[in-house]
Amino acid sequence: MAGPMKMRATLGGGFTDVRVLMTHPMTTAQSGQPLHFIQNITVKQNGKTVIEAQISQAVSRNPVFTFRIQGGAKGDKIEVSWLDNKGETNSIETAVA
């Protein structure tokens, strides 16, 4: 069961730095529970996909990811979304500060 996400995006030095906390159990076979993990992450800037990533169950519970996007401007809309192996999704968006 996914919970709320938290994110911030800041501009500096010609880059937009995005930091996002994804609330997710990320269970593995070692936990004795069925596998449940984030598989795909997508980052969009003003509606355009700028990063697509595939991850596995090797990532800890409630992972924090940081992305650096070249360029950007204050007020740009940043959206981060994920899809897990059970088909659950979650997303968050914010404006660049």
N, C-alpha and C. Protein backbone atom coordinates (compact mmCIF):
# COMPACT_ATOMS: atom_id res chain seq x y z
N MET A 1 0.83 -1.17 0.00
CA MET A 1 0.00 0.00 0.00
C MET A 1 0.89 1.24 0.00
N ALA A 2 0.72 2.02 -0.98
CA ALA A 2 1.52 3.23 -1.12
C ALA A 2 0.93 4.35 -0.29
N GLY A 3 1.79 5.16 0.25
CA GLY A 3 1.36 6.31 1.01
C GLY A 3 1.69 7.58 0.26
N PRO A 4 1.59 8.70 0.95
CA PRO A 4 1.88 9.99 0.30
C PRO A 4 3.36 10.11 -0.05
N MET A 5 3.61 10.91 -1.06
CA MET A 5 4.98 11.20 -1.48
C MET A 5 5.30 12.65 -1.10
N LYS A 6 6.58 12.95 -0.94
CA LYS A 6 7.03 14.31 -0.69
C LYS A 6 8.11 14.64 -1.70
N MET A 7 8.09 15.88 -2.21
CA MET A 7 9.07 16.24 -3.24
C MET A 7 9.39 17.73 -3.15
N ARG A 8 10.63 18.06 -3.54
CA ARG A 8 11.01 19.45 -3.73
C ARG A 8 11.89 19.54 -4.98
N ALA A 9 11.79 20.66 -5.64
CA ALA A 9 12.58 20.92 -6.85
C ALA A 9 13.15 22.32 -6.74
N THR A 10 14.47 22.42 -6.86
CA THR A 10 15.13 23.72 -6.73
C THR A 10 16.05 23.96 -7.92
N LEU A 11 16.19 25.23 -8.26
CA LEU A 11 17.00 25.64 -9.39
C LEU A 11 18.32 26.19 -8.88
N GLY A 12 19.41 25.82 -9.56
CA GLY A 12 20.71 26.35 -9.18
C GLY A 12 21.80 25.86 -10.10
N GLY A 13 22.67 26.76 -10.52
CA GLY A 13 23.82 26.39 -11.34
C GLY A 13 23.47 25.80 -12.69
N GLY A 14 22.37 26.21 -13.26
CA GLY A 14 21.99 25.70 -14.57
C GLY A 14 21.30 24.35 -14.55
N PHE A 15 20.97 23.86 -13.36
CA PHE A 15 20.31 22.57 -13.20
C PHE A 15 19.08 22.71 -12.31
N THR A 16 18.15 21.78 -12.47
CA THR A 16 17.03 21.64 -11.55
C THR A 16 17.27 20.37 -10.76
N ASP A 17 17.39 20.50 -9.45
CA ASP A 17 17.58 19.34 -8.58
C ASP A 17 16.24 18.94 -7.99
N VAL A 18 15.90 17.67 -8.16
CA VAL A 18 14.62 17.13 -7.69
C VAL A 18 14.92 16.06 -6.65
N ARG A 19 14.29 16.17 -5.50
CA ARG A 19 14.44 15.17 -4.44
C ARG A 19 13.04 14.71 -4.06
N VAL A 20 12.84 13.39 -4.07
CA VAL A 20 11.50 12.85 -3.82
C VAL A 20 11.56 11.64 -2.89
N LEU A 21 10.67 11.64 -1.89
CA LEU A 21 10.48 10.52 -0.98
C LEU A 21 9.27 9.75 -1.46
N MET A 22 9.45 8.46 -1.76
CA MET A 22 8.37 7.61 -2.23
C MET A 22 8.00 6.65 -1.10
N THR A 23 6.80 6.77 -0.57
CA THR A 23 6.35 5.88 0.49
C THR A 23 5.87 4.57 -0.13
N HIS A 24 6.62 3.50 0.11
CA HIS A 24 6.29 2.20 -0.48
C HIS A 24 6.96 1.10 0.35
N PRO A 25 6.29 -0.05 0.56
CA PRO A 25 6.86 -1.10 1.41
C PRO A 25 8.10 -1.79 0.83
N MET A 26 8.22 -1.88 -0.49
CA MET A 26 9.39 -2.47 -1.15
C MET A 26 9.77 -3.83 -0.52
N THR A 27 8.80 -4.75 -0.41
CA THR A 27 9.09 -6.05 0.20
C THR A 27 9.83 -6.96 -0.77
N THR A 28 10.70 -7.80 -0.20
CA THR A 28 11.52 -8.71 -0.99
C THR A 28 11.25 -10.15 -0.54
N ALA A 29 11.82 -11.10 -1.24
CA ALA A 29 11.68 -12.51 -0.88
C ALA A 29 12.30 -12.78 0.49
N GLN A 30 13.31 -12.02 0.86
CA GLN A 30 13.97 -12.21 2.16
C GLN A 30 13.04 -11.87 3.33
N SER A 31 12.04 -11.03 3.09
CA SER A 31 11.13 -10.64 4.16
C SER A 31 10.09 -11.71 4.47
N GLY A 32 10.00 -12.72 3.60
CA GLY A 32 9.00 -13.77 3.79
C GLY A 32 7.62 -13.36 3.30
N GLN A 33 7.51 -12.18 2.74
CA GLN A 33 6.25 -11.67 2.21
C GLN A 33 6.31 -11.71 0.69
N PRO A 34 5.15 -11.64 0.03
CA PRO A 34 5.17 -11.60 -1.44
C PRO A 34 5.93 -10.36 -1.94
N LEU A 35 6.59 -10.50 -3.08
CA LEU A 35 7.32 -9.37 -3.68
C LEU A 35 6.37 -8.22 -3.95
N HIS A 36 6.79 -7.03 -3.59
CA HIS A 36 6.02 -5.81 -3.83
C HIS A 36 7.02 -4.67 -3.89
N PHE A 37 7.33 -4.21 -5.12
CA PHE A 37 8.37 -3.20 -5.26
C PHE A 37 8.09 -2.30 -6.46
N ILE A 38 8.64 -1.10 -6.42
CA ILE A 38 8.54 -0.15 -7.52
C ILE A 38 9.39 -0.66 -8.67
N GLN A 39 8.83 -0.64 -9.89
CA GLN A 39 9.56 -1.09 -11.07
C GLN A 39 9.97 0.06 -11.98
N ASN A 40 9.09 1.02 -12.17
CA ASN A 40 9.35 2.10 -13.13
C ASN A 40 9.14 3.46 -12.46
N ILE A 41 10.03 4.39 -12.76
CA ILE A 41 9.91 5.77 -12.30
C ILE A 41 9.98 6.67 -13.53
N THR A 42 9.09 7.66 -13.58
CA THR A 42 9.09 8.63 -14.67
C THR A 42 9.14 10.03 -14.08
N VAL A 43 10.02 10.87 -14.62
CA VAL A 43 10.12 12.27 -14.22
C VAL A 43 9.77 13.12 -15.44
N LYS A 44 8.82 14.04 -15.26
CA LYS A 44 8.43 14.94 -16.35
C LYS A 44 8.67 16.38 -15.94
N GLN A 45 9.09 17.18 -16.91
CA GLN A 45 9.27 18.61 -16.71
C GLN A 45 8.35 19.31 -17.71
N ASN A 46 7.39 20.06 -17.18
CA ASN A 46 6.38 20.74 -18.01
C ASN A 46 5.70 19.77 -18.98
N GLY A 47 5.39 18.55 -18.50
CA GLY A 47 4.68 17.57 -19.29
C GLY A 47 5.54 16.72 -20.21
N LYS A 48 6.83 17.03 -20.33
CA LYS A 48 7.74 16.29 -21.20
C LYS A 48 8.58 15.32 -20.36
N THR A 49 8.60 14.06 -20.75
CA THR A 49 9.39 13.07 -20.02
C THR A 49 10.87 13.37 -20.18
N VAL A 50 11.57 13.54 -19.04
CA VAL A 50 13.00 13.82 -19.07
C VAL A 50 13.83 12.68 -18.47
N ILE A 51 13.19 11.83 -17.66
CA ILE A 51 13.88 10.68 -17.08
C ILE A 51 12.91 9.51 -16.99
N GLU A 52 13.36 8.34 -17.44
CA GLU A 52 12.64 7.10 -17.23
C GLU A 52 13.63 6.12 -16.63
N ALA A 53 13.25 5.48 -15.53
CA ALA A 53 14.16 4.55 -14.86
C ALA A 53 13.44 3.27 -14.50
N GLN A 54 14.18 2.17 -14.54
CA GLN A 54 13.67 0.89 -14.08
C GLN A 54 14.51 0.49 -12.88
N ILE A 55 13.83 0.11 -11.79
CA ILE A 55 14.53 -0.32 -10.59
C ILE A 55 14.01 -1.69 -10.18
N SER A 56 14.56 -2.25 -9.12
CA SER A 56 14.17 -3.59 -8.69
C SER A 56 13.93 -3.62 -7.19
N GLN A 57 13.72 -4.81 -6.68
CA GLN A 57 13.45 -4.98 -5.25
C GLN A 57 14.69 -4.73 -4.39
N ALA A 58 15.83 -4.43 -4.99
CA ALA A 58 17.06 -4.18 -4.24
C ALA A 58 17.08 -2.79 -3.60
N VAL A 59 16.01 -2.03 -3.75
CA VAL A 59 15.91 -0.68 -3.19
C VAL A 59 15.15 -0.75 -1.86
N SER A 60 15.60 0.03 -0.87
CA SER A 60 15.01 -0.02 0.47
C SER A 60 13.58 0.51 0.52
N ARG A 61 12.90 0.17 1.59
CA ARG A 61 11.55 0.66 1.85
C ARG A 61 11.57 2.19 1.92
N ASN A 62 10.50 2.81 1.44
CA ASN A 62 10.36 4.28 1.43
C ASN A 62 11.60 4.96 0.83
N PRO A 63 11.93 4.63 -0.41
CA PRO A 63 13.16 5.16 -1.00
C PRO A 63 13.11 6.67 -1.25
N VAL A 64 14.29 7.27 -1.20
CA VAL A 64 14.47 8.67 -1.54
C VAL A 64 15.35 8.71 -2.79
N PHE A 65 14.88 9.40 -3.83
CA PHE A 65 15.64 9.54 -5.06
C PHE A 65 15.94 11.00 -5.31
N THR A 66 17.11 11.27 -5.89
CA THR A 66 17.48 12.62 -6.29
C THR A 66 17.82 12.58 -7.77
N PHE A 67 17.26 13.53 -8.52
CA PHE A 67 17.50 13.62 -9.95
C PHE A 67 18.01 15.02 -10.26
N ARG A 68 18.90 15.14 -11.22
CA ARG A 68 19.39 16.44 -11.67
C ARG A 68 19.04 16.57 -13.15
N ILE A 69 18.26 17.61 -13.44
CA ILE A 69 17.80 17.87 -14.80
C ILE A 69 18.51 19.11 -15.31
N GLN A 70 19.07 19.03 -16.51
CA GLN A 70 19.76 20.18 -17.07
C GLN A 70 18.75 21.26 -17.42
N GLY A 71 19.08 22.50 -17.05
CA GLY A 71 18.21 23.64 -17.37
C GLY A 71 17.04 23.75 -16.42
N GLY A 72 16.01 24.40 -16.90
CA GLY A 72 14.82 24.63 -16.09
C GLY A 72 14.70 26.09 -15.71
N ALA A 73 13.55 26.42 -15.16
CA ALA A 73 13.27 27.79 -14.73
C ALA A 73 12.34 27.75 -13.53
N LYS A 74 12.39 28.80 -12.72
CA LYS A 74 11.46 28.88 -11.59
C LYS A 74 10.04 28.80 -12.11
N GLY A 75 9.23 28.00 -11.41
CA GLY A 75 7.84 27.84 -11.80
C GLY A 75 7.59 26.67 -12.72
N ASP A 76 8.65 26.07 -13.31
CA ASP A 76 8.45 24.87 -14.13
C ASP A 76 7.72 23.81 -13.31
N LYS A 77 6.86 23.05 -13.96
CA LYS A 77 6.13 21.97 -13.29
C LYS A 77 6.94 20.68 -13.41
N ILE A 78 7.23 20.06 -12.26
CA ILE A 78 7.93 18.78 -12.21
C ILE A 78 6.96 17.74 -11.67
N GLU A 79 6.84 16.62 -12.39
CA GLU A 79 5.98 15.51 -11.96
C GLU A 79 6.82 14.25 -11.88
N VAL A 80 6.68 13.52 -10.77
CA VAL A 80 7.35 12.24 -10.60
C VAL A 80 6.27 11.19 -10.35
N SER A 81 6.34 10.08 -11.09
CA SER A 81 5.37 9.00 -10.89
C SER A 81 6.09 7.66 -10.90
N TRP A 82 5.43 6.67 -10.29
CA TRP A 82 6.00 5.33 -10.30
C TRP A 82 4.91 4.30 -10.54
N LEU A 83 5.35 3.11 -10.97
CA LEU A 83 4.50 1.94 -11.19
C LEU A 83 5.19 0.78 -10.51
N ASP A 84 4.42 0.00 -9.70
CA ASP A 84 5.06 -1.15 -9.05
C ASP A 84 4.66 -2.47 -9.72
N ASN A 85 5.20 -3.56 -9.22
CA ASN A 85 4.99 -4.87 -9.84
C ASN A 85 3.57 -5.40 -9.64
N LYS A 86 2.76 -4.75 -8.83
CA LYS A 86 1.36 -5.15 -8.65
C LYS A 86 0.41 -4.23 -9.41
N GLY A 87 0.98 -3.32 -10.21
CA GLY A 87 0.16 -2.42 -11.00
C GLY A 87 -0.29 -1.16 -10.27
N GLU A 88 0.14 -0.98 -9.04
CA GLU A 88 -0.20 0.23 -8.29
C GLU A 88 0.66 1.38 -8.79
N THR A 89 0.11 2.59 -8.73
CA THR A 89 0.85 3.78 -9.16
C THR A 89 0.69 4.88 -8.13
N ASN A 90 1.56 5.85 -8.22
CA ASN A 90 1.47 7.04 -7.39
C ASN A 90 2.22 8.15 -8.12
N SER A 91 1.83 9.38 -7.87
CA SER A 91 2.53 10.51 -8.50
C SER A 91 2.41 11.74 -7.63
N ILE A 92 3.31 12.67 -7.90
CA ILE A 92 3.32 13.94 -7.19
C ILE A 92 3.85 14.98 -8.16
N GLU A 93 3.42 16.22 -7.99
CA GLU A 93 3.98 17.30 -8.79
C GLU A 93 4.19 18.54 -7.95
N THR A 94 5.15 19.35 -8.38
CA THR A 94 5.48 20.58 -7.69
C THR A 94 6.05 21.56 -8.70
N ALA A 95 6.16 22.80 -8.28
CA ALA A 95 6.78 23.82 -9.12
C ALA A 95 8.22 24.03 -8.64
N VAL A 96 9.11 24.31 -9.58
CA VAL A 96 10.51 24.57 -9.25
C VAL A 96 10.59 25.88 -8.47
N ALA A 97 11.31 25.83 -7.34
CA ALA A 97 11.48 27.02 -6.51
C ALA A 97 12.80 27.68 -6.81
